Amino acid sequence: MNATTDGGKIDPLLREKILKVLDTHRICTVATLRPDGWPQATTVGYVHVGLAIYFLCALDSQKAANIARDDRVSLTIDHDTADIMAISALSLAGHAHTVEDRAEAERVITAMIAAYADAPAPVPIVRPSPDDIRIFRVTPSVISLLDYSKGFGHTDLVRL
């Protein structure tokens, strides 16, 4: 770990790099805690507004039940690369909260559909209503920016 920022003030260059990773990906792995204490990691699509990350799932999903019991989550956002020194990714921890505001929920659904506008065929699902799905907003508490171009295992840690 090479750099740490505390107190919620992120160095502008680090913020720009974090937002670039968020902007250039569409899926992440979200880890929640199961009732038996074991972590559960699943892949979800996401969109973001600033550092707030949104994902959705089925109303009766295990993720939704896990978050209802314990809102702490961890997320990773990354991609595969043949060059180990080109690894760049985010790992973050935060709290997930259900989006209750209908207008915010509609904006997230619209953004999620727009994120897949380059799909080779129309997305084969009907646009969900906020009543049909659970939408979560993750507010990060800590973000780890991996950037191996700065050296093997280089990480910049940001505490919010």
C-alpha atoms as a PDB file:
ATOM      1  CA  MET A   1       0.000   0.000   0.000  1.00  0.00           C
ATOM      2  CA  ASN A   2       1.590   3.219  -1.123  1.00  0.00           C
ATOM      3  CA  ALA A   3      -0.858   6.069  -0.532  1.00  0.00           C
ATOM      4  CA  THR A   4      -3.605   6.711   1.977  1.00  0.00           C
ATOM      5  CA  THR A   5      -6.153   9.490   2.059  1.00  0.00           C
ATOM      6  CA  ASP A   6      -8.218  10.061   5.180  1.00  0.00           C
ATOM      7  CA  GLY A   7     -11.122  12.240   6.195  1.00  0.00           C
ATOM      8  CA  GLY A   8     -13.265  11.991   3.073  1.00  0.00           C
ATOM      9  CA  LYS A   9     -11.084  14.317   0.979  1.00  0.00           C
ATOM     10  CA  ILE A  10      -9.796  12.386  -1.983  1.00  0.00           C
ATOM     11  CA  ASP A  11      -6.790  13.618  -3.906  1.00  0.00           C
ATOM     12  CA  PRO A  12      -8.249  14.854  -7.233  1.00  0.00           C
ATOM     13  CA  LEU A  13      -5.935  12.611  -9.273  1.00  0.00           C
ATOM     14  CA  LEU A  14      -6.970   9.512  -7.264  1.00  0.00           C
ATOM     15  CA  ARG A  15     -10.647  10.464  -7.592  1.00  0.00           C
ATOM     16  CA  GLU A  16     -10.199  10.798 -11.361  1.00  0.00           C
ATOM     17  CA  LYS A  17      -8.572   7.341 -11.552  1.00  0.00           C
ATOM     18  CA  ILE A  18     -11.323   5.776  -9.415  1.00  0.00           C
ATOM     19  CA  LEU A  19     -14.032   7.339 -11.577  1.00  0.00           C
ATOM     20  CA  LYS A  20     -12.249   6.131 -14.731  1.00  0.00           C
ATOM     21  CA  VAL A  21     -12.418   2.527 -13.488  1.00  0.00           C
ATOM     22  CA  LEU A  22     -16.101   2.987 -12.597  1.00  0.00           C
ATOM     23  CA  ASP A  23     -16.805   4.584 -15.994  1.00  0.00           C
ATOM     24  CA  THR A  24     -15.106   1.867 -18.040  1.00  0.00           C
ATOM     25  CA  HIS A  25     -16.822  -1.186 -16.537  1.00  0.00           C
ATOM     26  CA  ARG A  26     -20.388  -2.461 -16.217  1.00  0.00           C
ATOM     27  CA  ILE A  27     -20.168  -5.433 -13.884  1.00  0.00           C
ATOM     28  CA  CYS A  28     -18.802  -5.965 -10.421  1.00  0.00           C
ATOM     29  CA  THR A  29     -18.657  -8.655  -7.801  1.00  0.00           C
ATOM     30  CA  VAL A  30     -20.634  -7.873  -4.671  1.00  0.00           C
ATOM     31  CA  ALA A  31     -19.960  -9.796  -1.473  1.00  0.00           C
ATOM     32  CA  THR A  32     -22.540 -10.014   1.301  1.00  0.00           C
ATOM     33  CA  LEU A  33     -22.745 -12.035   4.502  1.00  0.00           C
ATOM     34  CA  ARG A  34     -24.994 -15.096   4.596  1.00  0.00           C
ATOM     35  CA  PRO A  35     -26.961 -15.950   7.772  1.00  0.00           C
ATOM     36  CA  ASP A  36     -24.398 -18.652   8.636  1.00  0.00           C
ATOM     37  CA  GLY A  37     -21.579 -16.069   8.488  1.00  0.00           C
ATOM     38  CA  TRP A  38     -20.088 -17.275   5.197  1.00  0.00           C
ATOM     39  CA  PRO A  39     -19.499 -14.607   2.560  1.00  0.00           C
ATOM     40  CA  GLN A  40     -21.496 -14.796  -0.649  1.00  0.00           C
ATOM     41  CA  ALA A  41     -20.013 -13.213  -3.784  1.00  0.00           C
ATOM     42  CA  THR A  42     -22.126 -12.651  -6.886  1.00  0.00           C
ATOM     43  CA  THR A  43     -21.702 -10.788 -10.148  1.00  0.00           C
ATOM     44  CA  VAL A  44     -24.070  -7.898 -10.864  1.00  0.00           C
ATOM     45  CA  GLY A  45     -24.364  -5.100 -13.376  1.00  0.00           C
ATOM     46  CA  TYR A  46     -23.902  -1.627 -11.951  1.00  0.00           C
ATOM     47  CA  VAL A  47     -24.095   2.066 -12.698  1.00  0.00           C
ATOM     48  CA  HIS A  48     -22.696   4.884 -10.621  1.00  0.00           C
ATOM     49  CA  VAL A  49     -23.232   8.528  -9.791  1.00  0.00           C
ATOM     50  CA  GLY A  50     -19.956   9.871  -8.516  1.00  0.00           C
ATOM     51  CA  LEU A  51     -18.698   7.316  -6.010  1.00  0.00           C
ATOM     52  CA  ALA A  52     -22.187   5.939  -5.241  1.00  0.00           C
ATOM     53  CA  ILE A  53     -22.663   2.567  -6.928  1.00  0.00           C
ATOM     54  CA  TYR A  54     -26.090   1.162  -7.788  1.00  0.00           C
ATOM     55  CA  PHE A  55     -27.064  -2.423  -8.568  1.00  0.00           C
ATOM     56  CA  LEU A  56     -30.332  -4.282  -8.696  1.00  0.00           C
ATOM     57  CA  CYS A  57     -31.524  -7.776  -7.955  1.00  0.00           C
ATOM     58  CA  ALA A  58     -34.659  -9.827  -7.548  1.00  0.00           C
ATOM     59  CA  LEU A  59     -36.871  -8.989  -4.586  1.00  0.00           C
ATOM     60  CA  ASP A  60     -36.423 -12.477  -3.141  1.00  0.00           C
ATOM     61  CA  SER A  61     -32.715 -12.904  -3.899  1.00  0.00           C
ATOM     62  CA  GLN A  62     -30.219 -14.151  -1.343  1.00  0.00           C
ATOM     63  CA  LYS A  63     -28.300 -10.868  -1.792  1.00  0.00           C
ATOM     64  CA  ALA A  64     -31.355  -8.822  -0.837  1.00  0.00           C
ATOM     65  CA  ALA A  65     -31.973 -10.994   2.230  1.00  0.00           C
ATOM     66  CA  ASN A  66     -28.316 -10.805   3.255  1.00  0.00           C
ATOM     67  CA  ILE A  67     -28.241  -7.009   2.933  1.00  0.00           C
ATOM     68  CA  ALA A  68     -31.512  -6.649   4.856  1.00  0.00           C
ATOM     69  CA  ARG A  69     -29.799  -8.453   7.740  1.00  0.00           C
ATOM     70  CA  ASP A  70     -26.375  -6.753   7.449  1.00  0.00           C
ATOM     71  CA  ASP A  71     -25.846  -3.831   5.077  1.00  0.00           C
ATOM     72  CA  ARG A  72     -22.049  -4.163   4.943  1.00  0.00           C
ATOM     73  CA  VAL A  73     -20.833  -5.163   1.490  1.00  0.00           C
ATOM     74  CA  SER A  74     -17.579  -5.415  -0.428  1.00  0.00           C
ATOM     75  CA  LEU A  75     -17.291  -4.896  -4.179  1.00  0.00           C
ATOM     76  CA  THR A  76     -14.598  -5.533  -6.744  1.00  0.00           C
ATOM     77  CA  ILE A  77     -14.468  -4.030 -10.204  1.00  0.00           C
ATOM     78  CA  ASP A  78     -11.820  -5.371 -12.541  1.00  0.00           C
ATOM     79  CA  HIS A  79     -11.084  -6.924 -15.903  1.00  0.00           C
ATOM     80  CA  ASP A  80      -8.937  -9.677 -17.312  1.00  0.00           C
ATOM     81  CA  THR A  81      -5.577  -8.799 -18.811  1.00  0.00           C
ATOM     82  CA  ALA A  82      -2.743 -10.879 -20.218  1.00  0.00           C
ATOM     83  CA  ASP A  83      -0.207  -8.380 -18.843  1.00  0.00           C
ATOM     84  CA  ILE A  84       0.009  -8.701 -15.057  1.00  0.00           C
ATOM     85  CA  MET A  85       1.555  -5.215 -14.850  1.00  0.00           C
ATOM     86  CA  ALA A  86      -1.551  -3.758 -16.535  1.00  0.00           C
ATOM     87  CA  ILE A  87      -3.865  -4.767 -13.672  1.00  0.00           C
ATOM     88  CA  SER A  88      -6.044  -1.883 -12.593  1.00  0.00           C
ATOM     89  CA  ALA A  89      -9.070  -2.425 -10.416  1.00  0.00           C
ATOM     90  CA  LEU A  90     -11.131  -1.254  -7.478  1.00  0.00           C
ATOM     91  CA  SER A  91     -11.922  -3.019  -4.268  1.00  0.00           C
ATOM     92  CA  LEU A  92     -14.235  -1.218  -1.902  1.00  0.00           C
ATOM     93  CA  ALA A  93     -16.215  -1.697   1.260  1.00  0.00           C
ATOM     94  CA  GLY A  94     -19.308   0.192   2.236  1.00  0.00           C
ATOM     95  CA  HIS A  95     -22.941   0.067   3.208  1.00  0.00           C
ATOM     96  CA  ALA A  96     -25.760  -0.888   0.833  1.00  0.00           C
ATOM     97  CA  HIS A  97     -29.120   0.802   1.235  1.00  0.00           C
ATOM     98  CA  THR A  98     -32.359   0.101  -0.578  1.00  0.00           C
ATOM     99  CA  VAL A  99     -33.366   2.895  -2.941  1.00  0.00           C
ATOM    100  CA  GLU A 100     -36.820   3.914  -1.746  1.00  0.00           C
ATOM    101  CA  ASP A 101     -37.289   7.100  -3.793  1.00  0.00           C
ATOM    102  CA  ARG A 102     -39.215   6.175  -6.942  1.00  0.00           C
ATOM    103  CA  ALA A 103     -37.662   8.926  -9.084  1.00  0.00           C
ATOM    104  CA  GLU A 104     -34.153   7.812  -8.090  1.00  0.00           C
ATOM    105  CA  ALA A 105     -35.109   4.190  -8.818  1.00  0.00           C
ATOM    106  CA  GLU A 106     -36.403   5.120 -12.279  1.00  0.00           C
ATOM    107  CA  ARG A 107     -33.158   7.005 -13.042  1.00  0.00           C
ATOM    108  CA  VAL A 108     -31.121   3.942 -12.020  1.00  0.00           C
ATOM    109  CA  ILE A 109     -33.202   1.615 -14.206  1.00  0.00           C
ATOM    110  CA  THR A 110     -32.858   4.002 -17.166  1.00  0.00           C
ATOM    111  CA  ALA A 111     -29.090   4.278 -16.609  1.00  0.00           C
ATOM    112  CA  MET A 112     -28.742   0.496 -16.308  1.00  0.00           C
ATOM    113  CA  ILE A 113     -30.533  -0.042 -19.629  1.00  0.00           C
ATOM    114  CA  ALA A 114     -28.439   2.706 -21.267  1.00  0.00           C
ATOM    115  CA  ALA A 115     -25.252   1.023 -20.014  1.00  0.00           C
ATOM    116  CA  TYR A 116     -26.025  -1.870 -22.375  1.00  0.00           C
ATOM    117  CA  ALA A 117     -27.031   0.223 -25.404  1.00  0.00           C
ATOM    118  CA  ASP A 118     -24.156  -1.300 -27.393  1.00  0.00           C
ATOM    119  CA  ALA A 119     -25.513  -4.843 -27.013  1.00  0.00           C
ATOM    120  CA  PRO A 120     -25.684  -6.650 -30.382  1.00  0.00           C
ATOM    121  CA  ALA A 121     -29.434  -7.140 -29.981  1.00  0.00           C
ATOM    122  CA  PRO A 122     -32.024  -5.489 -27.784  1.00  0.00           C
ATOM    123  CA  VAL A 123     -31.788  -6.612 -24.179  1.00  0.00           C
ATOM    124  CA  PRO A 124     -34.246  -9.535 -24.002  1.00  0.00           C
ATOM    125  CA  ILE A 125     -35.961  -8.401 -20.821  1.00  0.00           C
ATOM    126  CA  VAL A 126     -38.902  -6.137 -20.175  1.00  0.00           C
ATOM    127  CA  ARG A 127     -38.018  -2.881 -18.437  1.00  0.00           C
ATOM    128  CA  PRO A 128     -38.608  -3.637 -14.758  1.00  0.00           C
ATOM    129  CA  SER A 129     -40.663  -1.421 -12.510  1.00  0.00           C
ATOM    130  CA  PRO A 130     -39.126  -0.297  -9.208  1.00  0.00           C
ATOM    131  CA  ASP A 131     -41.844  -2.444  -7.595  1.00  0.00           C
ATOM    132  CA  ASP A 132     -40.540  -5.596  -9.324  1.00  0.00           C
ATOM    133  CA  ILE A 133     -36.904  -5.407  -8.232  1.00  0.00           C
ATOM    134  CA  ARG A 134     -34.711  -4.303  -5.364  1.00  0.00           C
ATOM    135  CA  ILE A 135     -32.286  -1.476  -6.121  1.00  0.00           C
ATOM    136  CA  PHE A 136     -29.329  -0.846  -3.824  1.00  0.00           C
ATOM    137  CA  ARG A 137     -27.069   2.176  -3.478  1.00  0.00           C
ATOM    138  CA  VAL A 138     -23.613   1.400  -2.087  1.00  0.00           C
ATOM    139  CA  THR A 139     -21.901   4.242  -0.277  1.00  0.00           C
ATOM    140  CA  PRO A 140     -18.206   3.390  -0.014  1.00  0.00           C
ATOM    141  CA  SER A 141     -16.358   3.770   3.286  1.00  0.00           C
ATOM    142  CA  VAL A 142     -13.007   2.665   1.905  1.00  0.00           C
ATOM    143  CA  ILE A 143     -11.758   2.305  -1.674  1.00  0.00           C
ATOM    144  CA  SER A 144      -8.620   0.495  -2.727  1.00  0.00           C
ATOM    145  CA  LEU A 145      -7.350   1.434  -6.184  1.00  0.00           C
ATOM    146  CA  LEU A 146      -5.029  -1.237  -7.595  1.00  0.00           C
ATOM    147  CA  ASP A 147      -2.595   0.074 -10.201  1.00  0.00           C
ATOM    148  CA  TYR A 148       0.168  -2.379 -11.053  1.00  0.00           C
ATOM    149  CA  SER A 149       1.583   0.031 -13.659  1.00  0.00           C
ATOM    150  CA  LYS A 150       3.093   1.792 -10.616  1.00  0.00           C
ATOM    151  CA  GLY A 151       4.638  -1.463  -9.401  1.00  0.00           C
ATOM    152  CA  PHE A 152       3.566  -5.005  -8.574  1.00  0.00           C
ATOM    153  CA  GLY A 153       0.724  -4.903  -6.037  1.00  0.00           C
ATOM    154  CA  HIS A 154       0.599  -1.083  -5.879  1.00  0.00           C
ATOM    155  CA  THR A 155      -2.505   0.089  -4.049  1.00  0.00           C
ATOM    156  CA  ASP A 156      -3.791   3.542  -3.178  1.00  0.00           C
ATOM    157  CA  LEU A 157      -6.155   3.393  -0.206  1.00  0.00           C
ATOM    158  CA  VAL A 158      -8.870   6.012   0.254  1.00  0.00           C
ATOM    159  CA  ARG A 159     -10.908   6.253   3.452  1.00  0.00           C
ATOM    160  CA  LEU A 160     -14.129   8.207   3.210  1.00  0.00           C
END
